[in-house]
Amino acid sequence: QSSGVALTADGYGKDMVLAGREVFGFCGGAALVR
């Protein structure tokens, strides 16, 4: 379903499905934050 969140050109958050890389943002359904 999601391995992170991308930012579209019109400012929507979009789920990404490519794990193991830097992403724009995290999916708040399952994440760890400092």
PDB file of all heavy atoms in Angstrom:
ATOM      1  N   GLN A   1       0.833  -1.200   0.000  1.00  0.00           N
ATOM      2  CA  GLN A   1       0.000   0.000   0.000  1.00  0.00           C
ATOM      3  C   GLN A   1       0.868   1.250   0.000  1.00  0.00           C
ATOM      4  O   GLN A   1       0.613   2.202  -0.729  1.00  0.00           O
ATOM      5  CB  GLN A   1      -0.914   0.017   1.213  1.00  0.00           C
ATOM      6  CG  GLN A   1      -1.707   1.320   1.361  1.00  0.00           C
ATOM      7  CD  GLN A   1      -2.322   1.464   2.730  1.00  0.00           C
ATOM      8  OE1 GLN A   1      -2.469   0.494   3.485  1.00  0.00           O
ATOM      9  NE2 GLN A   1      -2.703   2.692   3.077  1.00  0.00           N
ATOM     10  N   SER A   2       1.912   1.233   0.830  1.00  0.00           N
ATOM     11  CA  SER A   2       2.752   2.426   0.947  1.00  0.00           C
ATOM     12  C   SER A   2       4.115   2.059   1.509  1.00  0.00           C
ATOM     13  O   SER A   2       4.216   1.238   2.417  1.00  0.00           O
ATOM     14  CB  SER A   2       2.096   3.456   1.868  1.00  0.00           C
ATOM     15  OG  SER A   2       2.949   4.579   2.067  1.00  0.00           O
ATOM     16  N   SER A   3       5.137   2.655   0.958  1.00  0.00           N
ATOM     17  CA  SER A   3       6.462   2.600   1.560  1.00  0.00           C
ATOM     18  C   SER A   3       7.010   4.013   1.732  1.00  0.00           C
ATOM     19  O   SER A   3       8.214   4.228   1.805  1.00  0.00           O
ATOM     20  CB  SER A   3       7.412   1.772   0.687  1.00  0.00           C
ATOM     21  OG  SER A   3       7.481   2.299  -0.627  1.00  0.00           O
ATOM     22  N   GLY A   4       6.094   4.957   1.781  1.00  0.00           N
ATOM     23  CA  GLY A   4       6.469   6.353   1.926  1.00  0.00           C
ATOM     24  C   GLY A   4       5.531   7.230   1.129  1.00  0.00           C
ATOM     25  O   GLY A   4       4.662   6.743   0.387  1.00  0.00           O
ATOM     26  N   VAL A   5       5.692   8.532   1.273  1.00  0.00           N
ATOM     27  CA  VAL A   5       4.804   9.496   0.631  1.00  0.00           C
ATOM     28  C   VAL A   5       5.593  10.393  -0.298  1.00  0.00           C
ATOM     29  O   VAL A   5       6.634  10.940   0.081  1.00  0.00           O
ATOM     30  CB  VAL A   5       4.069  10.339   1.694  1.00  0.00           C
ATOM     31  CG1 VAL A   5       3.268  11.462   1.045  1.00  0.00           C
ATOM     32  CG2 VAL A   5       3.146   9.454   2.524  1.00  0.00           C
ATOM     33  N   ALA A   6       5.102  10.525  -1.526  1.00  0.00           N
ATOM     34  CA  ALA A   6       5.661  11.465  -2.495  1.00  0.00           C
ATOM     35  C   ALA A   6       4.789  12.711  -2.536  1.00  0.00           C
ATOM     36  O   ALA A   6       3.630  12.698  -2.099  1.00  0.00           O
ATOM     37  CB  ALA A   6       5.737  10.818  -3.871  1.00  0.00           C
ATOM     38  N   LEU A   7       5.321  13.781  -3.072  1.00  0.00           N
ATOM     39  CA  LEU A   7       4.606  15.046  -3.182  1.00  0.00           C
ATOM     40  C   LEU A   7       4.357  15.321  -4.654  1.00  0.00           C
ATOM     41  O   LEU A   7       5.298  15.473  -5.436  1.00  0.00           O
ATOM     42  CB  LEU A   7       5.436  16.167  -2.552  1.00  0.00           C
ATOM     43  CG  LEU A   7       4.773  17.520  -2.365  1.00  0.00           C
ATOM     44  CD1 LEU A   7       3.579  17.424  -1.416  1.00  0.00           C
ATOM     45  CD2 LEU A   7       5.788  18.527  -1.816  1.00  0.00           C
ATOM     46  N   THR A   8       3.096  15.348  -5.073  1.00  0.00           N
ATOM     47  CA  THR A   8       2.772  15.558  -6.481  1.00  0.00           C
ATOM     48  C   THR A   8       2.973  17.025  -6.865  1.00  0.00           C
ATOM     49  O   THR A   8       3.117  17.899  -6.006  1.00  0.00           O
ATOM     50  CB  THR A   8       1.328  15.145  -6.788  1.00  0.00           C
ATOM     51  OG1 THR A   8       0.427  16.064  -6.140  1.00  0.00           O
ATOM     52  CG2 THR A   8       1.049  13.720  -6.300  1.00  0.00           C
ATOM     53  N   ALA A   9       2.934  17.289  -8.164  1.00  0.00           N
ATOM     54  CA  ALA A   9       3.158  18.639  -8.658  1.00  0.00           C
ATOM     55  C   ALA A   9       2.060  19.607  -8.232  1.00  0.00           C
ATOM     56  O   ALA A   9       2.278  20.824  -8.236  1.00  0.00           O
ATOM     57  CB  ALA A   9       3.270  18.618 -10.187  1.00  0.00           C
ATOM     58  N   ASP A  10       0.869  19.078  -7.877  1.00  0.00           N
ATOM     59  CA  ASP A  10      -0.196  19.952  -7.405  1.00  0.00           C
ATOM     60  C   ASP A  10      -0.386  19.871  -5.895  1.00  0.00           C
ATOM     61  O   ASP A  10      -1.406  20.296  -5.361  1.00  0.00           O
ATOM     62  CB  ASP A  10      -1.511  19.656  -8.129  1.00  0.00           C
ATOM     63  CG  ASP A  10      -1.850  18.180  -8.178  1.00  0.00           C
ATOM     64  OD1 ASP A  10      -1.074  17.384  -7.615  1.00  0.00           O
ATOM     65  OD2 ASP A  10      -2.878  17.826  -8.783  1.00  0.00           O
ATOM     66  N   GLY A  11       0.623  19.311  -5.215  1.00  0.00           N
ATOM     67  CA  GLY A  11       0.638  19.384  -3.765  1.00  0.00           C
ATOM     68  C   GLY A  11      -0.173  18.347  -3.042  1.00  0.00           C
ATOM     69  O   GLY A  11      -0.513  18.535  -1.866  1.00  0.00           O
ATOM     70  N   TYR A  12      -0.475  17.238  -3.705  1.00  0.00           N
ATOM     71  CA  TYR A  12      -1.111  16.119  -3.012  1.00  0.00           C
ATOM     72  C   TYR A  12      -0.027  15.182  -2.479  1.00  0.00           C
ATOM     73  O   TYR A  12       1.044  15.041  -3.091  1.00  0.00           O
ATOM     74  CB  TYR A  12      -2.020  15.324  -3.955  1.00  0.00           C
ATOM     75  CG  TYR A  12      -3.357  15.976  -4.231  1.00  0.00           C
ATOM     76  CD1 TYR A  12      -3.533  16.806  -5.342  1.00  0.00           C
ATOM     77  CD2 TYR A  12      -4.441  15.759  -3.388  1.00  0.00           C
ATOM     78  CE1 TYR A  12      -4.760  17.403  -5.594  1.00  0.00           C
ATOM     79  CE2 TYR A  12      -5.676  16.361  -3.636  1.00  0.00           C
ATOM     80  CZ  TYR A  12      -5.822  17.176  -4.742  1.00  0.00           C
ATOM     81  OH  TYR A  12      -7.037  17.767  -4.982  1.00  0.00           O
ATOM     82  N   GLY A  13      -0.312  14.520  -1.360  1.00  0.00           N
ATOM     83  CA  GLY A  13       0.538  13.438  -0.902  1.00  0.00           C
ATOM     84  C   GLY A  13       0.119  12.153  -1.589  1.00  0.00           C
ATOM     85  O   GLY A  13      -1.072  11.864  -1.696  1.00  0.00           O
ATOM     86  N   LYS A  14       1.085  11.379  -2.071  1.00  0.00           N
ATOM     87  CA  LYS A  14       0.784  10.161  -2.825  1.00  0.00           C
ATOM     88  C   LYS A  14       1.627   9.016  -2.290  1.00  0.00           C
ATOM     89  O   LYS A  14       2.837   9.152  -2.113  1.00  0.00           O
ATOM     90  CB  LYS A  14       1.089  10.378  -4.313  1.00  0.00           C
ATOM     91  CG  LYS A  14       0.823   9.168  -5.185  1.00  0.00           C
ATOM     92  CD  LYS A  14       1.128   9.477  -6.644  1.00  0.00           C
ATOM     93  CE  LYS A  14       2.627   9.594  -6.879  1.00  0.00           C
ATOM     94  NZ  LYS A  14       2.963   9.706  -8.325  1.00  0.00           N
ATOM     95  N   ASP A  15       0.982   7.874  -2.015  1.00  0.00           N
ATOM     96  CA  ASP A  15       1.711   6.712  -1.531  1.00  0.00           C
ATOM     97  C   ASP A  15       2.683   6.209  -2.581  1.00  0.00           C
ATOM     98  O   ASP A  15       2.363   6.134  -3.772  1.00  0.00           O
ATOM     99  CB  ASP A  15       0.744   5.584  -1.155  1.00  0.00           C
ATOM    100  CG  ASP A  15       0.048   5.821   0.170  1.00  0.00           C
ATOM    101  OD1 ASP A  15       0.716   6.325   1.087  1.00  0.00           O
ATOM    102  OD2 ASP A  15      -1.145   5.501   0.283  1.00  0.00           O
ATOM    103  N   MET A  16       3.890   5.853  -2.119  1.00  0.00           N
ATOM    104  CA  MET A  16       4.905   5.242  -2.972  1.00  0.00           C
ATOM    105  C   MET A  16       5.016   3.764  -2.625  1.00  0.00           C
ATOM    106  O   MET A  16       4.675   3.350  -1.517  1.00  0.00           O
ATOM    107  CB  MET A  16       6.263   5.911  -2.751  1.00  0.00           C
ATOM    108  CG  MET A  16       6.290   7.389  -3.037  1.00  0.00           C
ATOM    109  SD  MET A  16       7.912   8.083  -2.648  1.00  0.00           S
ATOM    110  CE  MET A  16       8.962   7.127  -3.744  1.00  0.00           C
ATOM    111  N   VAL A  17       5.500   2.968  -3.570  1.00  0.00           N
ATOM    112  CA  VAL A  17       5.606   1.525  -3.323  1.00  0.00           C
ATOM    113  C   VAL A  17       7.031   1.011  -3.503  1.00  0.00           C
ATOM    114  O   VAL A  17       7.259  -0.191  -3.553  1.00  0.00           O
ATOM    115  CB  VAL A  17       4.646   0.732  -4.232  1.00  0.00           C
ATOM    116  CG1 VAL A  17       3.208   1.071  -3.896  1.00  0.00           C
ATOM    117  CG2 VAL A  17       4.925   1.004  -5.707  1.00  0.00           C
ATOM    118  N   LEU A  18       8.008   1.912  -3.581  1.00  0.00           N
ATOM    119  CA  LEU A  18       9.416   1.511  -3.703  1.00  0.00           C
ATOM    120  C   LEU A  18      10.105   1.752  -2.373  1.00  0.00           C
ATOM    121  O   LEU A  18      10.369   2.889  -1.988  1.00  0.00           O
ATOM    122  CB  LEU A  18      10.116   2.296  -4.817  1.00  0.00           C
ATOM    123  CG  LEU A  18       9.572   2.079  -6.226  1.00  0.00           C
ATOM    124  CD1 LEU A  18      10.272   3.005  -7.218  1.00  0.00           C
ATOM    125  CD2 LEU A  18       9.758   0.628  -6.659  1.00  0.00           C
ATOM    126  N   ALA A  19      10.387   0.691  -1.638  1.00  0.00           N
ATOM    127  CA  ALA A  19      10.970   0.816  -0.302  1.00  0.00           C
ATOM    128  C   ALA A  19      12.490   0.905  -0.363  1.00  0.00           C
ATOM    129  O   ALA A  19      13.113   0.672  -1.392  1.00  0.00           O
ATOM    130  CB  ALA A  19      10.555  -0.380   0.552  1.00  0.00           C
ATOM    131  N   GLY A  20      13.089   1.245   0.799  1.00  0.00           N
ATOM    132  CA  GLY A  20      14.537   1.228   0.922  1.00  0.00           C
ATOM    133  C   GLY A  20      15.232   2.438   0.354  1.00  0.00           C
ATOM    134  O   GLY A  20      16.363   2.342  -0.134  1.00  0.00           O
ATOM    135  N   ARG A  21      14.610   3.603   0.414  1.00  0.00           N
ATOM    136  CA  ARG A  21      15.214   4.805  -0.154  1.00  0.00           C
ATOM    137  C   ARG A  21      14.743   6.019   0.642  1.00  0.00           C
ATOM    138  O   ARG A  21      13.849   5.924   1.490  1.00  0.00           O
ATOM    139  CB  ARG A  21      14.818   4.959  -1.622  1.00  0.00           C
ATOM    140  CG  ARG A  21      13.299   4.923  -1.817  1.00  0.00           C
ATOM    141  CD  ARG A  21      12.885   5.055  -3.260  1.00  0.00           C
ATOM    142  NE  ARG A  21      13.076   6.412  -3.741  1.00  0.00           N
ATOM    143  CZ  ARG A  21      12.650   6.827  -4.949  1.00  0.00           C
ATOM    144  NH1 ARG A  21      12.046   5.987  -5.753  1.00  0.00           N
ATOM    145  NH2 ARG A  21      12.845   8.070  -5.328  1.00  0.00           N
ATOM    146  N   GLU A  22      15.352   7.158   0.359  1.00  0.00           N
ATOM    147  CA  GLU A  22      14.850   8.389   0.941  1.00  0.00           C
ATOM    148  C   GLU A  22      13.550   8.767   0.245  1.00  0.00           C
ATOM    149  O   GLU A  22      13.411   8.636  -0.973  1.00  0.00           O
ATOM    150  CB  GLU A  22      15.873   9.514   0.792  1.00  0.00           C
ATOM    151  CG  GLU A  22      15.416  10.827   1.426  1.00  0.00           C
ATOM    152  CD  GLU A  22      16.471  11.926   1.333  1.00  0.00           C
ATOM    153  OE1 GLU A  22      17.539  11.673   0.737  1.00  0.00           O
ATOM    154  OE2 GLU A  22      16.193  13.022   1.849  1.00  0.00           O
ATOM    155  N   VAL A  23      12.579   9.239   1.024  1.00  0.00           N
ATOM    156  CA  VAL A  23      11.285   9.642   0.490  1.00  0.00           C
ATOM    157  C   VAL A  23      10.959  11.030   1.013  1.00  0.00           C
ATOM    158  O   VAL A  23      11.569  11.512   1.963  1.00  0.00           O
ATOM    159  CB  VAL A  23      10.175   8.644   0.888  1.00  0.00           C
ATOM    160  CG1 VAL A  23      10.369   7.315   0.186  1.00  0.00           C
ATOM    161  CG2 VAL A  23      10.134   8.446   2.404  1.00  0.00           C
ATOM    162  N   PHE A  24       9.980  11.672   0.378  1.00  0.00           N
ATOM    163  CA  PHE A  24       9.602  13.002   0.863  1.00  0.00           C
ATOM    164  C   PHE A  24       9.044  12.915   2.271  1.00  0.00           C
ATOM    165  O   PHE A  24       9.416  13.693   3.152  1.00  0.00           O
ATOM    166  CB  PHE A  24       8.566  13.645  -0.058  1.00  0.00           C
ATOM    167  CG  PHE A  24       7.987  14.909   0.544  1.00  0.00           C
ATOM    168  CD1 PHE A  24       8.732  16.081   0.570  1.00  0.00           C
ATOM    169  CD2 PHE A  24       6.721  14.913   1.124  1.00  0.00           C
ATOM    170  CE1 PHE A  24       8.232  17.245   1.154  1.00  0.00           C
ATOM    171  CE2 PHE A  24       6.207  16.064   1.707  1.00  0.00           C
ATOM    172  CZ  PHE A  24       6.960  17.228   1.720  1.00  0.00           C
ATOM    173  N   GLY A  25       8.119  11.968   2.470  1.00  0.00           N
ATOM    174  CA  GLY A  25       7.454  11.921   3.758  1.00  0.00           C
ATOM    175  C   GLY A  25       7.094  10.520   4.195  1.00  0.00           C
ATOM    176  O   GLY A  25       7.206   9.566   3.429  1.00  0.00           O
ATOM    177  N   PHE A  26       6.668  10.415   5.438  1.00  0.00           N
ATOM    178  CA  PHE A  26       6.299   9.125   5.989  1.00  0.00           C
ATOM    179  C   PHE A  26       4.790   8.960   5.982  1.00  0.00           C
ATOM    180  O   PHE A  26       4.031   9.941   6.007  1.00  0.00           O
ATOM    181  CB  PHE A  26       6.843   8.963   7.417  1.00  0.00           C
ATOM    182  CG  PHE A  26       6.322   9.956   8.425  1.00  0.00           C
ATOM    183  CD1 PHE A  26       5.151   9.707   9.127  1.00  0.00           C
ATOM    184  CD2 PHE A  26       7.017  11.135   8.691  1.00  0.00           C
ATOM    185  CE1 PHE A  26       4.671  10.602  10.068  1.00  0.00           C
ATOM    186  CE2 PHE A  26       6.545  12.045   9.630  1.00  0.00           C
ATOM    187  CZ  PHE A  26       5.366  11.777  10.321  1.00  0.00           C
ATOM    188  N   CYS A  27       4.350   7.719   5.936  1.00  0.00           N
ATOM    189  CA  CYS A  27       2.940   7.397   6.078  1.00  0.00           C
ATOM    190  C   CYS A  27       2.644   7.259   7.566  1.00  0.00           C
ATOM    191  O   CYS A  27       3.234   6.407   8.238  1.00  0.00           O
ATOM    192  CB  CYS A  27       2.602   6.112   5.330  1.00  0.00           C
ATOM    193  SG  CYS A  27       0.890   5.596   5.546  1.00  0.00           S
ATOM    194  N   GLY A  28       1.745   8.063   8.080  1.00  0.00           N
ATOM    195  CA  GLY A  28       1.507   8.120   9.513  1.00  0.00           C
ATOM    196  C   GLY A  28       0.844   6.891  10.087  1.00  0.00           C
ATOM    197  O   GLY A  28       0.737   6.774  11.311  1.00  0.00           O
ATOM    198  N   GLY A  29       0.424   5.950   9.235  1.00  0.00           N
ATOM    199  CA  GLY A  29      -0.180   4.735   9.745  1.00  0.00           C
ATOM    200  C   GLY A  29       0.784   3.801  10.426  1.00  0.00           C
ATOM    201  O   GLY A  29       0.367   2.949  11.228  1.00  0.00           O
ATOM    202  N   ALA A  30       2.086   3.949  10.127  1.00  0.00           N
ATOM    203  CA  ALA A  30       3.108   3.090  10.741  1.00  0.00           C
ATOM    204  C   ALA A  30       4.464   3.735  10.503  1.00  0.00           C
ATOM    205  O   ALA A  30       5.064   3.552   9.436  1.00  0.00           O
ATOM    206  CB  ALA A  30       3.071   1.681  10.159  1.00  0.00           C
ATOM    207  N   ALA A  31       4.935   4.490  11.471  1.00  0.00           N
ATOM    208  CA  ALA A  31       6.190   5.214  11.313  1.00  0.00           C
ATOM    209  C   ALA A  31       6.834   5.450  12.665  1.00  0.00           C
ATOM    210  O   ALA A  31       6.194   5.331  13.713  1.00  0.00           O
ATOM    211  CB  ALA A  31       5.944   6.550  10.605  1.00  0.00           C
ATOM    212  N   LEU A  32       8.119   5.798  12.622  1.00  0.00           N
ATOM    213  CA  LEU A  32       8.879   6.136  13.830  1.00  0.00           C
ATOM    214  C   LEU A  32       9.503   7.503  13.619  1.00  0.00           C
ATOM    215  O   LEU A  32      10.144   7.751  12.592  1.00  0.00           O
ATOM    216  CB  LEU A  32       9.963   5.087  14.096  1.00  0.00           C
ATOM    217  CG  LEU A  32      10.686   5.190  15.449  1.00  0.00           C
ATOM    218  CD1 LEU A  32       9.742   4.856  16.595  1.00  0.00           C
ATOM    219  CD2 LEU A  32      11.891   4.247  15.480  1.00  0.00           C
ATOM    220  N   VAL A  33       9.324   8.393  14.604  1.00  0.00           N
ATOM    221  CA  VAL A  33       9.786   9.779  14.496  1.00  0.00           C
ATOM    222  C   VAL A  33      10.642  10.114  15.706  1.00  0.00           C
ATOM    223  O   VAL A  33      10.335   9.693  16.831  1.00  0.00           O
ATOM    224  CB  VAL A  33       8.585  10.750  14.410  1.00  0.00           C
ATOM    225  CG1 VAL A  33       9.062  12.169  14.139  1.00  0.00           C
ATOM    226  CG2 VAL A  33       7.593  10.303  13.340  1.00  0.00           C
ATOM    227  N   ARG A  34      11.719  10.865  15.479  1.00  0.00           N
ATOM    228  CA  ARG A  34      12.509  11.364  16.606  1.00  0.00           C
ATOM    229  C   ARG A  34      11.658  12.372  17.392  1.00  0.00           C
ATOM    230  O   ARG A  34      11.200  13.380  16.839  1.00  0.00           O
ATOM    231  CB  ARG A  34      13.783  12.040  16.118  1.00  0.00           C
ATOM    232  CG  ARG A  34      14.777  11.111  15.460  1.00  0.00           C
ATOM    233  CD  ARG A  34      16.087  11.847  15.158  1.00  0.00           C
ATOM    234  NE  ARG A  34      16.901  11.083  14.244  1.00  0.00           N
ATOM    235  CZ  ARG A  34      17.727  10.099  14.592  1.00  0.00           C
ATOM    236  NH1 ARG A  34      17.862   9.809  15.876  1.00  0.00           N
ATOM    237  NH2 ARG A  34      18.421   9.446  13.679  1.00  0.00           N
TER     238      ARG A  34
END
